[in-house]
């Protein structure tokens, strides 16, 4: 790892990917690249197309263009040849290998990676496992926390074991729904009831999520969720305020002040998050000091329950009648645009966006060095 005084760290920002949150990732990456100090970092953009091809040097705003044209030309970026590439999983030669004929075999060295791919194949532990094999320091949660955080029902079990309130739920396999929908409808109506929420177990940014108010809308919602995952979560509706907290750190994480989302639609769906631009973000949330402190402590408790590292945003429902804190989910690679809740909450807490990305890079290196100590014991 490059640590000489005055030498810039080579930071690879990975974005795009094969999930339904491809565009959100591009916007997040664009904000991060602009916030990274070019005097401290040599920034290497690494775009992954919708088809899964890796490209070095392509800017986020050009990602779709390169995806469509499948250009084989080498690009010049940060003094290194750029183009189609593959992560080198040989720990002795950390970085990316260029694959285009014109520059095949050339190596792009990287000191640390900043993955900002939301959803599947980026936030679910698959990319993190690849980076572990390559022995690369990377920003954010490791394999276990990423996979557990992405799986909404598995994380609920861990939260429940940690003593954190969860909403009543049921998990259904897509194959079971298609084989016997009537049985599942009867079970849900007799236990959870309407209204309820139907979600793909492994997805983010509210992709594939619907609110069902009756049998007809339930069937439609189940079929929609089944498009995105083999496991479907059916969750009881909670009459509550939507509260979010940003968490930052490794072994000793800290929590931001809580913020509240007032959705412009019936719930905070994909459209409300990224299209309508009418949802209201209240920072800080209007809470008593006691509730604020309890929510922050619960966010850290949830973070530790999954053994998170680097960053995560923890989403809660605050039940209106009782003020009971109920965890909704955890996002291990939260939205990172200039208007996203994760950085905005930290800004309101006293950490600016550039300071935040600096800290995340530091935490990635800290976590990597901690792992190296364990490896040295068995070498």
Protein backbone atom coordinates (compact mmCIF):
# COMPACT_ATOMS: atom_id res chain seq x y z
CA UNK A 1 0.00 0.00 0.00
CA UNK A 2 1.25 3.42 -0.94
CA UNK A 3 1.78 5.34 2.31
CA UNK A 4 4.82 7.52 1.64
CA UNK A 5 4.46 11.11 2.77
CA UNK A 6 3.39 13.34 -0.09
CA UNK A 7 2.43 10.42 -2.36
CA UNK A 8 -1.19 10.26 -3.42
CA UNK A 9 -3.21 7.14 -2.64
CA UNK A 10 -4.59 5.44 -5.73
CA UNK A 11 -8.33 5.10 -5.03
CA UNK A 12 -10.49 3.06 -7.37
CA UNK A 13 -14.14 4.13 -7.24
CA UNK A 14 -16.29 1.21 -8.44
CA UNK A 15 -19.77 2.00 -9.76
CA UNK A 16 -22.56 0.83 -12.09
CA UNK A 17 -23.15 -2.90 -11.94
CA UNK A 18 -25.83 -5.38 -12.88
CA UNK A 19 -28.52 -4.44 -10.36
CA UNK A 20 -31.71 -2.46 -10.83
CA UNK A 21 -29.99 0.43 -9.02
CA UNK A 22 -27.43 1.02 -11.77
CA UNK A 23 -28.35 4.69 -12.33
CA UNK A 24 -28.41 5.50 -8.61
CA UNK A 25 -24.88 4.12 -8.34
CA UNK A 26 -23.67 6.40 -11.14
CA UNK A 27 -24.99 9.52 -9.38
CA UNK A 28 -23.48 8.42 -6.05
CA UNK A 29 -20.09 7.74 -7.67
CA UNK A 30 -20.08 11.07 -9.44
CA UNK A 31 -20.55 12.86 -6.10
CA UNK A 32 -17.81 10.82 -4.40
CA UNK A 33 -15.29 11.42 -7.20
CA UNK A 34 -15.92 15.17 -6.99
CA UNK A 35 -15.48 15.11 -3.20
CA UNK A 36 -12.19 13.17 -3.14
CA UNK A 37 -9.30 15.62 -2.84
CA UNK A 38 -7.11 15.26 -5.98
CA UNK A 39 -4.13 16.49 -3.99
CA UNK A 40 -4.45 13.48 -1.65
CA UNK A 41 -5.83 10.87 -4.05
CA UNK A 42 -5.23 9.67 -7.56
CA UNK A 43 -8.79 8.78 -8.48
CA UNK A 44 -9.32 5.81 -10.82
CA UNK A 45 -12.96 5.42 -11.94
CA UNK A 46 -13.94 1.77 -12.41
CA UNK A 47 -17.30 1.33 -14.13
CA UNK A 48 -19.14 -1.97 -14.37
CA UNK A 49 -21.63 -2.17 -17.23
CA UNK A 50 -25.11 -3.64 -16.99
CA UNK A 51 -23.68 -6.77 -18.60
CA UNK A 52 -20.94 -7.04 -15.96
CA UNK A 53 -17.93 -5.82 -17.97
CA UNK A 54 -15.36 -3.80 -16.02
CA UNK A 55 -13.94 -0.59 -17.50
CA UNK A 56 -11.18 1.58 -16.07
CA UNK A 57 -11.16 5.32 -16.61
CA UNK A 58 -14.74 5.75 -17.73
CA UNK A 59 -16.53 8.54 -15.89
CA UNK A 60 -19.90 7.77 -14.27
CA UNK A 61 -21.81 10.10 -16.58
CA UNK A 62 -20.32 8.25 -19.59
CA UNK A 63 -21.11 4.78 -18.25
CA UNK A 64 -24.24 4.20 -20.30
CA UNK A 65 -22.52 5.39 -23.47
CA UNK A 66 -19.70 2.88 -23.05
CA UNK A 67 -22.17 0.13 -22.14
CA UNK A 68 -24.02 0.61 -25.42
CA UNK A 69 -21.04 1.04 -27.72
CA UNK A 70 -18.87 -1.60 -26.01
CA UNK A 71 -15.87 0.45 -27.02
CA UNK A 72 -12.55 -1.40 -27.15
CA UNK A 73 -10.42 1.73 -27.31
CA UNK A 74 -7.93 2.48 -24.56
CA UNK A 75 -8.52 5.72 -22.71
CA UNK A 76 -5.98 7.90 -20.96
CA UNK A 77 -6.77 8.57 -17.33
CA UNK A 78 -4.50 9.58 -14.43
CA UNK A 79 -1.44 8.72 -16.46
CA UNK A 80 -2.44 5.08 -16.95
CA UNK A 81 -3.85 3.31 -19.98
CA UNK A 82 -7.52 2.58 -19.55
CA UNK A 83 -10.20 0.38 -21.06
CA UNK A 84 -11.79 -2.99 -20.40
CA UNK A 85 -10.29 -4.60 -17.34
CA UNK A 86 -10.45 -7.39 -14.79
CA UNK A 87 -9.61 -7.38 -11.10
CA UNK A 88 -6.34 -9.19 -10.49
CA UNK A 89 -6.99 -11.66 -7.67
CA UNK A 90 -3.26 -12.31 -7.20
CA UNK A 91 -2.42 -10.59 -3.87
CA UNK A 92 1.18 -10.10 -5.03
CA UNK A 93 0.05 -7.82 -7.86
CA UNK A 94 -2.83 -5.75 -6.51
CA UNK A 95 -4.96 -3.84 -8.98
CA UNK A 96 -6.57 -4.24 -12.38
CA UNK A 97 -5.37 -5.92 -15.54
CA UNK A 98 -6.31 -4.23 -18.82
CA UNK A 99 -7.87 -6.57 -21.38
CA UNK A 100 -8.12 -4.60 -24.61
CA UNK A 101 -5.74 -5.78 -27.33
CA UNK A 102 -4.05 -2.40 -27.61
CA UNK A 103 -3.03 -2.45 -23.95
CA UNK A 104 -3.49 -6.09 -22.91
CA UNK A 105 -1.42 -7.08 -19.92
CA UNK A 106 -0.92 -3.57 -18.63
CA UNK A 107 -1.53 -3.19 -14.91
CA UNK A 108 -3.36 -0.41 -13.07
CA UNK A 109 -2.16 -0.35 -9.49
CA UNK A 110 -4.68 0.51 -6.76
CA UNK A 111 -4.16 1.17 -3.05
CA UNK A 112 -7.79 1.10 -1.92
CA UNK A 113 -11.18 0.55 -3.53
CA UNK A 114 -14.37 2.49 -2.89
CA UNK A 115 -17.32 0.31 -4.01
CA UNK A 116 -20.49 2.33 -4.53
CA UNK A 117 -22.62 -0.29 -6.27
CA UNK A 118 -26.06 -0.48 -4.69
CA UNK A 119 -28.04 -3.71 -4.66
CA UNK A 120 -27.14 -7.12 -6.05
CA UNK A 121 -23.59 -7.90 -7.22
CA UNK A 122 -22.22 -4.96 -5.27
CA UNK A 123 -23.86 -4.59 -1.88
CA UNK A 124 -24.62 -8.25 -1.20
CA UNK A 125 -21.15 -9.58 -0.36
CA UNK A 126 -20.29 -10.92 -3.82
CA UNK A 127 -18.02 -8.00 -4.77
CA UNK A 128 -16.62 -7.88 -1.25
CA UNK A 129 -15.63 -11.57 -1.49
CA UNK A 130 -13.81 -10.85 -4.73
CA UNK A 131 -11.94 -7.96 -3.12
CA UNK A 132 -10.99 -10.19 -0.18
CA UNK A 133 -9.49 -12.74 -2.60
CA UNK A 134 -7.54 -9.93 -4.25
CA UNK A 135 -6.31 -8.83 -0.78
CA UNK A 136 -7.44 -5.26 -1.43
CA UNK A 137 -8.45 -2.68 1.17
CA UNK A 138 -11.98 -1.50 0.41
CA UNK A 139 -14.49 0.91 1.85
CA UNK A 140 -17.50 -0.46 3.71
CA UNK A 141 -18.75 -3.70 5.17
CA UNK A 142 -17.16 -7.09 4.68
CA UNK A 143 -18.64 -10.22 3.13
CA UNK A 144 -20.78 -11.35 6.07
CA UNK A 145 -22.27 -7.97 6.98
CA UNK A 146 -22.93 -7.13 3.32
CA UNK A 147 -24.70 -10.42 2.64
CA UNK A 148 -26.68 -10.33 5.89
CA UNK A 149 -27.66 -6.69 5.40
CA UNK A 150 -28.86 -7.33 1.87
CA UNK A 151 -31.03 -10.25 2.92
CA UNK A 152 -33.98 -8.57 4.65
CA UNK A 153 -35.25 -11.66 6.45
CA UNK A 154 -31.84 -12.91 7.57
CA UNK A 155 -31.00 -9.49 9.01
CA UNK A 156 -34.35 -9.46 10.82
CA UNK A 157 -33.36 -12.66 12.60
CA UNK A 158 -30.07 -11.11 13.69
CA UNK A 159 -31.79 -7.91 14.84
CA UNK A 160 -34.34 -9.94 16.77
CA UNK A 161 -31.55 -11.95 18.45
CA UNK A 162 -29.93 -8.64 19.44
CA UNK A 163 -33.14 -7.53 21.15
CA UNK A 164 -34.17 -4.96 18.53
CA UNK A 165 -37.87 -4.67 17.70
CA UNK A 166 -38.91 -5.93 14.25
CA UNK A 167 -42.26 -5.91 12.43
CA UNK A 168 -44.20 -9.20 12.05
CA UNK A 169 -43.21 -10.83 8.77
CA UNK A 170 -43.33 -13.94 6.62
CA UNK A 171 -40.83 -15.15 4.02
CA UNK A 172 -42.12 -16.96 0.93
CA UNK A 173 -40.19 -18.62 -1.87
CA UNK A 174 -41.11 -17.58 -5.40
CA UNK A 175 -41.57 -21.24 -6.32
CA UNK A 176 -44.00 -21.74 -3.40
CA UNK A 177 -46.01 -18.67 -4.42
CA UNK A 178 -46.32 -19.85 -8.01
CA UNK A 179 -47.18 -23.40 -6.96
CA UNK A 180 -49.91 -22.55 -4.44
CA UNK A 181 -50.81 -18.83 -4.24
CA UNK A 182 -54.16 -19.51 -2.55
CA UNK A 183 -52.50 -21.18 0.42
CA UNK A 184 -50.12 -18.27 0.94
CA UNK A 185 -52.89 -15.69 0.60
CA UNK A 186 -54.95 -17.46 3.29
CA UNK A 187 -51.94 -17.70 5.62
CA UNK A 188 -51.12 -14.01 5.24
CA UNK A 189 -54.75 -12.93 5.69
CA UNK A 190 -55.04 -14.95 8.91
CA UNK A 191 -51.74 -13.74 10.43
CA UNK A 192 -50.38 -10.47 9.01
CA UNK A 193 -53.50 -9.07 7.35
CA UNK A 194 -53.92 -5.96 5.20
CA UNK A 195 -52.41 -3.54 4.58
CA UNK A 196 -49.01 -5.16 4.27
CA UNK A 197 -45.82 -4.61 2.36
CA UNK A 198 -44.37 -7.04 -0.15
CA UNK A 199 -40.66 -6.82 -0.93
CA UNK A 200 -38.00 -8.80 -2.76
CA UNK A 201 -35.80 -10.10 0.06
CA UNK A 202 -32.61 -9.06 -1.75
CA UNK A 203 -33.03 -5.62 -3.28
CA UNK A 204 -32.53 -1.98 -2.41
CA UNK A 205 -33.79 1.53 -3.22
CA UNK A 206 -37.37 0.22 -2.82
CA UNK A 207 -37.10 -1.67 -6.12
CA UNK A 208 -40.00 -4.14 -6.47
CA UNK A 209 -41.68 -3.04 -3.23
CA UNK A 210 -45.46 -2.61 -3.08
CA UNK A 211 -48.15 -1.95 -0.50
CA UNK A 212 -51.09 -4.36 -0.63
CA UNK A 213 -54.48 -3.30 0.72
CA UNK A 214 -56.55 -6.28 -0.42
CA UNK A 215 -56.31 -9.68 -2.10
CA UNK A 216 -56.11 -8.32 -5.65
CA UNK A 217 -53.33 -5.85 -4.91
CA UNK A 218 -51.54 -8.54 -2.87
CA UNK A 219 -51.41 -10.88 -5.87
CA UNK A 220 -50.12 -8.08 -8.09
CA UNK A 221 -47.50 -7.12 -5.50
CA UNK A 222 -46.30 -10.72 -5.06
CA UNK A 223 -45.86 -11.14 -8.81
CA UNK A 224 -43.95 -7.87 -8.99
CA UNK A 225 -41.59 -8.83 -6.14
CA UNK A 226 -41.08 -12.27 -7.68
CA UNK A 227 -39.54 -10.59 -10.73
CA UNK A 228 -36.56 -9.48 -8.64
CA UNK A 229 -35.80 -12.31 -6.22
CA UNK A 230 -36.53 -15.95 -5.43
CA UNK A 231 -37.39 -14.97 -1.85
CA UNK A 232 -40.26 -12.62 -1.03
CA UNK A 233 -40.81 -10.76 2.25
CA UNK A 234 -44.35 -10.07 3.44
CA UNK A 235 -44.27 -7.54 6.25
CA UNK A 236 -46.95 -6.04 8.49
CA UNK A 237 -47.74 -2.37 7.98
CA UNK A 238 -46.46 -0.17 10.81
CA UNK A 239 -48.20 3.12 11.43
CA UNK A 240 -45.03 5.00 12.13
CA UNK A 241 -42.71 7.84 11.24
CA UNK A 242 -39.74 6.92 9.02
CA UNK A 243 -36.51 7.71 10.85
CA UNK A 244 -33.01 7.18 9.47
CA UNK A 245 -29.59 7.25 11.12
CA UNK A 246 -26.13 7.18 9.53
CA UNK A 247 -23.45 5.08 11.23
CA UNK A 248 -19.71 5.41 10.68
CA UNK A 249 -16.79 3.38 12.00
CA UNK A 250 -15.28 -0.05 12.51
CA UNK A 251 -15.03 -1.48 16.02
CA UNK A 252 -16.19 1.73 17.72
CA UNK A 253 -18.86 3.18 15.43
CA UNK A 254 -20.62 6.49 15.92
CA UNK A 255 -24.16 7.48 14.94
CA UNK A 256 -25.38 10.69 13.34
CA UNK A 257 -28.35 12.69 14.49
CA UNK A 258 -31.58 11.07 13.24
CA UNK A 259 -33.45 12.41 10.24
CA UNK A 260 -37.06 11.87 9.22
CA UNK A 261 -38.51 11.18 5.78
CA UNK A 262 -42.01 12.39 5.00
CA UNK A 263 -42.81 10.55 1.73
CA UNK A 264 -44.66 12.33 -1.04
CA UNK A 265 -46.28 9.01 -1.97
CA UNK A 266 -48.04 6.47 0.22
CA UNK A 267 -44.66 5.15 1.26
CA UNK A 268 -41.03 5.90 0.40
CA UNK A 269 -40.93 3.96 -2.87
CA UNK A 270 -38.47 4.24 -5.76
CA UNK A 271 -40.45 7.05 -7.36
CA UNK A 272 -40.59 9.04 -4.12
CA UNK A 273 -36.83 8.61 -3.66
CA UNK A 274 -35.52 9.39 -7.11
CA UNK A 275 -38.21 10.72 -9.48
CA UNK A 276 -40.93 12.84 -7.85
CA UNK A 277 -38.53 14.95 -5.76
CA UNK A 278 -41.39 15.95 -3.44
CA UNK A 279 -40.56 13.92 -0.34
CA UNK A 280 -39.55 16.00 2.65
CA UNK A 281 -36.35 15.30 4.56
CA UNK A 282 -36.37 16.66 8.10
CA UNK A 283 -32.87 17.00 9.52
CA UNK A 284 -32.79 16.74 12.44
CA UNK A 285 -35.96 14.77 13.11
CA UNK A 286 -38.34 16.40 15.57
CA UNK A 287 -37.69 14.11 18.53
CA UNK A 288 -37.17 14.49 22.25
CA UNK A 289 -33.53 14.31 23.40
CA UNK A 290 -34.33 10.97 25.07
CA UNK A 291 -35.78 9.44 21.90
CA UNK A 292 -32.92 10.82 19.83
CA UNK A 293 -30.37 9.16 22.07
CA UNK A 294 -32.28 5.87 22.16
CA UNK A 295 -32.54 5.74 18.36
CA UNK A 296 -28.83 6.48 17.94
CA UNK A 297 -27.93 3.73 20.41
CA UNK A 298 -30.25 1.29 18.63
CA UNK A 299 -28.64 2.14 15.27
CA UNK A 300 -25.21 1.28 16.65
CA UNK A 301 -26.62 -1.90 18.18
CA UNK A 302 -27.99 -2.95 14.78
CA UNK A 303 -24.68 -2.07 13.11
CA UNK A 304 -22.76 -4.26 15.53
CA UNK A 305 -25.31 -7.10 15.29
CA UNK A 306 -24.26 -7.55 11.65
CA UNK A 307 -20.56 -6.80 12.33
CA UNK A 308 -20.66 -3.85 9.94
CA UNK A 309 -17.60 -1.79 9.07
CA UNK A 310 -17.03 1.57 7.45
CA UNK A 311 -20.57 2.75 6.92
CA UNK A 312 -24.26 1.90 6.93
CA UNK A 313 -27.58 3.70 7.14
CA UNK A 314 -30.09 2.23 9.58
CA UNK A 315 -33.79 2.80 8.88
CA UNK A 316 -36.45 2.70 11.59
CA UNK A 317 -40.18 3.10 12.10
CA UNK A 318 -41.17 5.13 15.15
CA UNK A 319 -44.63 3.84 16.01
CA UNK A 320 -46.95 6.82 16.29
CA UNK A 321 -49.11 5.64 19.19
CA UNK A 322 -46.36 4.19 21.37
CA UNK A 323 -43.05 5.74 20.20
CA UNK A 324 -41.77 2.17 19.98
CA UNK A 325 -38.60 1.96 17.85
CA UNK A 326 -38.90 -0.75 15.18
CA UNK A 327 -36.05 -1.43 12.79
CA UNK A 328 -36.96 -1.55 9.11
CA UNK A 329 -33.62 -2.41 7.46
CA UNK A 330 -29.94 -1.60 7.19
CA UNK A 331 -28.23 -0.33 4.03
CA UNK A 332 -24.54 -1.20 3.88
CA UNK A 333 -23.94 0.91 0.74
CA UNK A 334 -26.41 3.76 1.17
CA UNK A 335 -27.13 6.41 -1.44
CA UNK A 336 -24.21 8.81 -1.64
CA UNK A 337 -25.44 11.68 -3.78
CA UNK A 338 -25.19 15.24 -2.51
CA UNK A 339 -28.86 15.05 -1.48
CA UNK A 340 -28.80 11.51 -0.04
CA UNK A 341 -29.66 11.02 3.62
CA UNK A 342 -26.39 9.32 4.58
CA UNK A 343 -24.05 12.25 3.84
CA UNK A 344 -26.68 14.89 4.68
CA UNK A 345 -27.13 13.44 8.18
CA UNK A 346 -23.37 13.54 8.75
CA UNK A 347 -23.18 17.09 7.46
CA UNK A 348 -25.84 18.10 10.00
CA UNK A 349 -23.89 16.22 12.69
CA UNK A 350 -20.69 18.09 11.87
CA UNK A 351 -18.86 16.01 9.24
CA UNK A 352 -18.74 17.51 5.74
CA UNK A 353 -19.01 15.39 2.59
CA UNK A 354 -15.24 15.64 1.78
CA UNK A 355 -14.38 14.83 5.40
CA UNK A 356 -16.74 11.85 5.24
CA UNK A 357 -15.14 10.26 2.17
CA UNK A 358 -11.70 10.90 3.71
CA UNK A 359 -12.76 9.10 6.87
CA UNK A 360 -14.18 6.16 4.92
CA UNK A 361 -10.89 5.67 3.10
CA UNK A 362 -9.06 5.79 6.45
CA UNK A 363 -11.46 3.22 7.92
CA UNK A 364 -10.91 0.92 4.93
CA UNK A 365 -7.16 0.97 5.48
CA UNK A 366 -7.59 0.53 9.24
CA UNK A 367 -9.81 -2.52 8.71
CA UNK A 368 -7.39 -3.98 6.17
CA UNK A 369 -4.43 -3.65 8.55
CA UNK A 370 -6.44 -5.27 11.32
CA UNK A 371 -7.10 -8.27 9.05
CA UNK A 372 -3.42 -8.47 8.11
CA UNK A 373 -2.57 -8.97 11.78
CA UNK A 374 -4.82 -12.04 11.86
CA UNK A 375 -3.33 -13.41 8.63
CA UNK A 376 0.20 -12.97 9.95
CA UNK A 377 -0.60 -15.28 12.88
CA UNK A 378 -1.34 -18.21 10.57
CA UNK A 379 1.21 -17.48 7.84
